[in-house]
N, C-alpha and C. Protein backbone atom coordinates (compact mmCIF):
# COMPACT_ATOMS: atom_id res chain seq x y z
N ALA A 1 -100.83 23.88 154.15
CA ALA A 1 -99.56 24.57 153.97
C ALA A 1 -98.85 24.72 155.32
N VAL A 2 -99.63 25.05 156.37
CA VAL A 2 -99.01 25.22 157.69
C VAL A 2 -98.42 23.89 158.18
N ILE A 3 -99.12 22.80 157.93
CA ILE A 3 -98.63 21.50 158.36
C ILE A 3 -97.30 21.17 157.68
N ALA A 4 -97.23 21.37 156.37
CA ALA A 4 -96.00 21.08 155.63
C ALA A 4 -94.87 21.99 156.11
N SER A 5 -95.15 23.27 156.31
CA SER A 5 -94.13 24.20 156.79
C SER A 5 -93.67 23.82 158.18
N ARG A 6 -94.62 23.43 159.05
CA ARG A 6 -94.26 23.04 160.42
C ARG A 6 -93.37 21.80 160.40
N GLU A 7 -93.71 20.82 159.59
CA GLU A 7 -92.92 19.59 159.53
C GLU A 7 -91.50 19.88 159.03
N ALA A 8 -91.37 20.74 158.03
CA ALA A 8 -90.05 21.10 157.51
C ALA A 8 -89.26 21.87 158.58
N LEU A 9 -89.93 22.77 159.28
CA LEU A 9 -89.27 23.54 160.33
C LEU A 9 -88.78 22.62 161.44
N VAL A 10 -89.59 21.68 161.85
CA VAL A 10 -89.20 20.72 162.90
C VAL A 10 -87.97 19.94 162.46
N ARG A 11 -87.95 19.48 161.20
CA ARG A 11 -86.78 18.74 160.69
C ARG A 11 -85.53 19.62 160.72
N ASP A 12 -85.67 20.86 160.26
CA ASP A 12 -84.52 21.77 160.22
C ASP A 12 -84.02 22.10 161.63
N LEU A 13 -84.94 22.32 162.57
CA LEU A 13 -84.53 22.61 163.95
C LEU A 13 -83.84 21.40 164.57
N ALA A 14 -84.37 20.22 164.33
CA ALA A 14 -83.77 19.00 164.87
C ALA A 14 -82.35 18.82 164.31
N ALA A 15 -82.15 19.15 163.04
CA ALA A 15 -80.83 19.03 162.42
C ALA A 15 -79.83 20.00 163.06
N LEU A 16 -80.34 21.09 163.65
CA LEU A 16 -79.48 22.07 164.32
C LEU A 16 -79.29 21.75 165.81
N GLY A 17 -79.83 20.62 166.26
CA GLY A 17 -79.63 20.21 167.64
C GLY A 17 -80.74 20.60 168.60
N PHE A 18 -81.89 21.01 168.07
CA PHE A 18 -83.02 21.38 168.92
C PHE A 18 -83.86 20.16 169.24
N ASP A 19 -84.41 20.14 170.44
CA ASP A 19 -85.46 19.20 170.82
C ASP A 19 -86.76 19.95 170.59
N VAL A 20 -87.65 19.38 169.80
CA VAL A 20 -88.91 20.05 169.47
C VAL A 20 -90.06 19.20 170.00
N LEU A 21 -90.92 19.83 170.80
CA LEU A 21 -92.07 19.10 171.32
C LEU A 21 -93.08 18.87 170.21
N PRO A 22 -93.82 17.77 170.26
CA PRO A 22 -94.85 17.52 169.26
C PRO A 22 -95.86 18.66 169.23
N SER A 23 -96.31 19.03 168.02
CA SER A 23 -97.24 20.15 167.89
C SER A 23 -98.22 19.88 166.76
N THR A 24 -99.46 20.29 167.00
CA THR A 24 -100.46 20.30 165.94
C THR A 24 -100.97 21.72 165.73
N ALA A 25 -100.25 22.68 166.30
CA ALA A 25 -100.63 24.09 166.23
C ALA A 25 -99.81 24.81 165.16
N ASN A 26 -99.98 26.13 165.11
CA ASN A 26 -99.23 26.94 164.14
C ASN A 26 -97.94 27.47 164.77
N PHE A 27 -97.44 26.75 165.77
CA PHE A 27 -96.17 27.10 166.40
C PHE A 27 -95.54 25.82 166.94
N VAL A 28 -94.23 25.93 167.26
CA VAL A 28 -93.54 24.82 167.90
C VAL A 28 -92.84 25.34 169.14
N PHE A 29 -92.61 24.46 170.08
CA PHE A 29 -91.85 24.73 171.29
C PHE A 29 -90.55 23.96 171.13
N ALA A 30 -89.42 24.68 171.18
CA ALA A 30 -88.14 24.02 170.94
C ALA A 30 -87.09 24.52 171.92
N ARG A 31 -86.16 23.63 172.25
CA ARG A 31 -85.03 24.01 173.10
C ARG A 31 -83.77 23.39 172.52
N HIS A 32 -82.67 24.09 172.77
CA HIS A 32 -81.37 23.59 172.32
C HIS A 32 -80.61 23.10 173.55
N SER A 33 -80.04 21.93 173.45
CA SER A 33 -79.40 21.34 174.62
C SER A 33 -78.14 22.09 175.06
N ASP A 34 -77.50 22.83 174.15
CA ASP A 34 -76.24 23.50 174.48
C ASP A 34 -76.33 25.02 174.56
N ARG A 35 -77.47 25.60 174.24
CA ARG A 35 -77.58 27.05 174.19
C ARG A 35 -78.73 27.54 175.05
N ASP A 36 -78.53 28.67 175.69
CA ASP A 36 -79.55 29.28 176.52
C ASP A 36 -80.64 29.89 175.63
N ALA A 37 -81.88 29.60 175.96
CA ALA A 37 -83.01 30.07 175.14
C ALA A 37 -83.10 31.59 175.10
N GLN A 38 -82.88 32.25 176.21
CA GLN A 38 -82.96 33.70 176.22
C GLN A 38 -81.88 34.31 175.33
N ALA A 39 -80.67 33.77 175.39
CA ALA A 39 -79.59 34.27 174.54
C ALA A 39 -79.91 34.05 173.06
N LEU A 40 -80.51 32.92 172.74
CA LEU A 40 -80.92 32.67 171.35
C LEU A 40 -81.98 33.66 170.92
N ALA A 41 -82.96 33.92 171.78
CA ALA A 41 -84.02 34.88 171.44
C ALA A 41 -83.44 36.26 171.19
N VAL A 42 -82.48 36.67 172.01
CA VAL A 42 -81.85 37.99 171.84
C VAL A 42 -81.07 38.03 170.53
N ALA A 43 -80.30 36.99 170.25
CA ALA A 43 -79.52 36.95 169.01
C ALA A 43 -80.42 36.95 167.77
N LEU A 44 -81.54 36.27 167.85
CA LEU A 44 -82.49 36.29 166.73
C LEU A 44 -83.11 37.67 166.57
N ARG A 45 -83.47 38.29 167.68
CA ARG A 45 -84.07 39.64 167.62
C ARG A 45 -83.10 40.62 166.97
N GLN A 46 -81.82 40.49 167.26
CA GLN A 46 -80.81 41.36 166.65
C GLN A 46 -80.77 41.18 165.13
N ARG A 47 -81.24 40.05 164.66
CA ARG A 47 -81.30 39.78 163.23
C ARG A 47 -82.69 40.03 162.66
N GLY A 48 -83.56 40.63 163.46
CA GLY A 48 -84.90 40.97 162.99
C GLY A 48 -85.91 39.84 163.03
N ILE A 49 -85.60 38.79 163.79
CA ILE A 49 -86.50 37.64 163.91
C ILE A 49 -86.95 37.55 165.36
N ILE A 50 -88.25 37.56 165.55
CA ILE A 50 -88.80 37.56 166.91
C ILE A 50 -89.44 36.21 167.21
N VAL A 51 -88.97 35.62 168.30
CA VAL A 51 -89.57 34.39 168.84
C VAL A 51 -89.92 34.69 170.29
N ARG A 52 -90.81 33.91 170.85
CA ARG A 52 -91.21 34.14 172.25
C ARG A 52 -90.32 33.34 173.18
N HIS A 53 -89.92 34.00 174.25
CA HIS A 53 -89.18 33.35 175.32
C HIS A 53 -89.92 33.65 176.62
N PHE A 54 -90.05 32.65 177.46
CA PHE A 54 -90.79 32.79 178.71
C PHE A 54 -89.86 32.60 179.89
N GLN A 55 -90.17 33.23 181.02
CA GLN A 55 -89.33 33.13 182.21
C GLN A 55 -89.81 32.06 183.20
N GLN A 56 -90.96 31.44 182.97
CA GLN A 56 -91.45 30.43 183.89
C GLN A 56 -90.47 29.25 183.94
N ALA A 57 -90.25 28.72 185.13
CA ALA A 57 -89.23 27.71 185.36
C ALA A 57 -89.33 26.51 184.42
N ARG A 58 -90.51 25.98 184.23
CA ARG A 58 -90.65 24.75 183.43
C ARG A 58 -90.35 24.96 181.95
N ILE A 59 -90.51 26.18 181.47
CA ILE A 59 -90.32 26.43 180.04
C ILE A 59 -89.23 27.47 179.75
N ARG A 60 -88.42 27.77 180.72
CA ARG A 60 -87.40 28.81 180.59
C ARG A 60 -86.42 28.53 179.44
N GLN A 61 -86.14 27.30 179.15
CA GLN A 61 -85.18 26.97 178.09
C GLN A 61 -85.84 26.68 176.74
N PHE A 62 -87.13 26.99 176.64
CA PHE A 62 -87.83 26.77 175.37
C PHE A 62 -88.10 28.09 174.66
N LEU A 63 -88.17 28.00 173.35
CA LEU A 63 -88.61 29.10 172.51
C LEU A 63 -89.92 28.70 171.87
N ARG A 64 -90.85 29.64 171.80
CA ARG A 64 -92.10 29.41 171.06
C ARG A 64 -91.90 30.06 169.71
N ILE A 65 -91.90 29.23 168.68
CA ILE A 65 -91.60 29.69 167.34
C ILE A 65 -92.84 29.52 166.47
N SER A 66 -93.36 30.63 165.97
CA SER A 66 -94.52 30.57 165.08
C SER A 66 -94.11 30.02 163.73
N VAL A 67 -94.99 29.23 163.15
CA VAL A 67 -94.76 28.70 161.81
C VAL A 67 -95.23 29.76 160.82
N GLY A 68 -94.29 30.32 160.09
CA GLY A 68 -94.61 31.33 159.09
C GLY A 68 -94.62 30.72 157.70
N THR A 69 -94.37 31.56 156.74
CA THR A 69 -94.24 31.08 155.36
C THR A 69 -92.94 30.28 155.25
N ASP A 70 -92.79 29.56 154.14
CA ASP A 70 -91.55 28.82 153.95
C ASP A 70 -90.35 29.76 153.96
N ALA A 71 -90.49 30.93 153.35
CA ALA A 71 -89.39 31.90 153.32
C ALA A 71 -89.05 32.39 154.73
N GLN A 72 -90.06 32.62 155.55
CA GLN A 72 -89.82 33.06 156.92
C GLN A 72 -89.14 31.97 157.74
N CYS A 73 -89.59 30.75 157.55
CA CYS A 73 -88.97 29.63 158.28
C CYS A 73 -87.52 29.45 157.83
N GLN A 74 -87.25 29.61 156.55
CA GLN A 74 -85.88 29.49 156.05
C GLN A 74 -85.01 30.61 156.59
N ALA A 75 -85.56 31.81 156.73
CA ALA A 75 -84.81 32.93 157.31
C ALA A 75 -84.46 32.62 158.76
N LEU A 76 -85.40 32.06 159.51
CA LEU A 76 -85.15 31.68 160.90
C LEU A 76 -84.04 30.64 160.98
N VAL A 77 -84.15 29.60 160.18
CA VAL A 77 -83.15 28.53 160.21
C VAL A 77 -81.78 29.07 159.80
N GLY A 78 -81.75 29.94 158.80
CA GLY A 78 -80.49 30.54 158.38
C GLY A 78 -79.86 31.36 159.49
N ALA A 79 -80.67 32.14 160.19
CA ALA A 79 -80.17 32.94 161.31
C ALA A 79 -79.67 32.04 162.43
N LEU A 80 -80.38 30.97 162.72
CA LEU A 80 -79.93 30.04 163.75
C LEU A 80 -78.61 29.38 163.37
N ARG A 81 -78.44 29.07 162.09
CA ARG A 81 -77.15 28.50 161.65
C ARG A 81 -76.02 29.48 161.91
N GLU A 82 -76.25 30.77 161.61
CA GLU A 82 -75.23 31.80 161.87
C GLU A 82 -74.89 31.87 163.36
N ILE A 83 -75.91 31.78 164.19
CA ILE A 83 -75.72 31.90 165.64
C ILE A 83 -75.03 30.66 166.21
N LEU A 84 -75.48 29.49 165.79
CA LEU A 84 -74.99 28.25 166.37
C LEU A 84 -73.67 27.77 165.79
N VAL A 85 -73.40 28.13 164.56
CA VAL A 85 -72.17 27.69 163.89
C VAL A 85 -71.43 28.91 163.39
N PRO A 86 -70.77 29.63 164.30
CA PRO A 86 -70.10 30.88 163.88
C PRO A 86 -68.92 30.64 162.96
């Protein structure tokens, strides 16, 4: 179930303009080419969705996104659509 959810999440994130690193874990590392990762994390938190953002130079523009249930992943993607396409 996690694999299927992760694959769907990766497809949805890519459709929104994210670059997603390959993953075999229960999370993905993703960055958006046009949006600051910290600003995205803050905007998601304001909508009740928590993703990890790190300050280390090499990964500063990435978000660590846990693979949740299909409903949780859909909520994340919906919130990102609101943020990215106002």
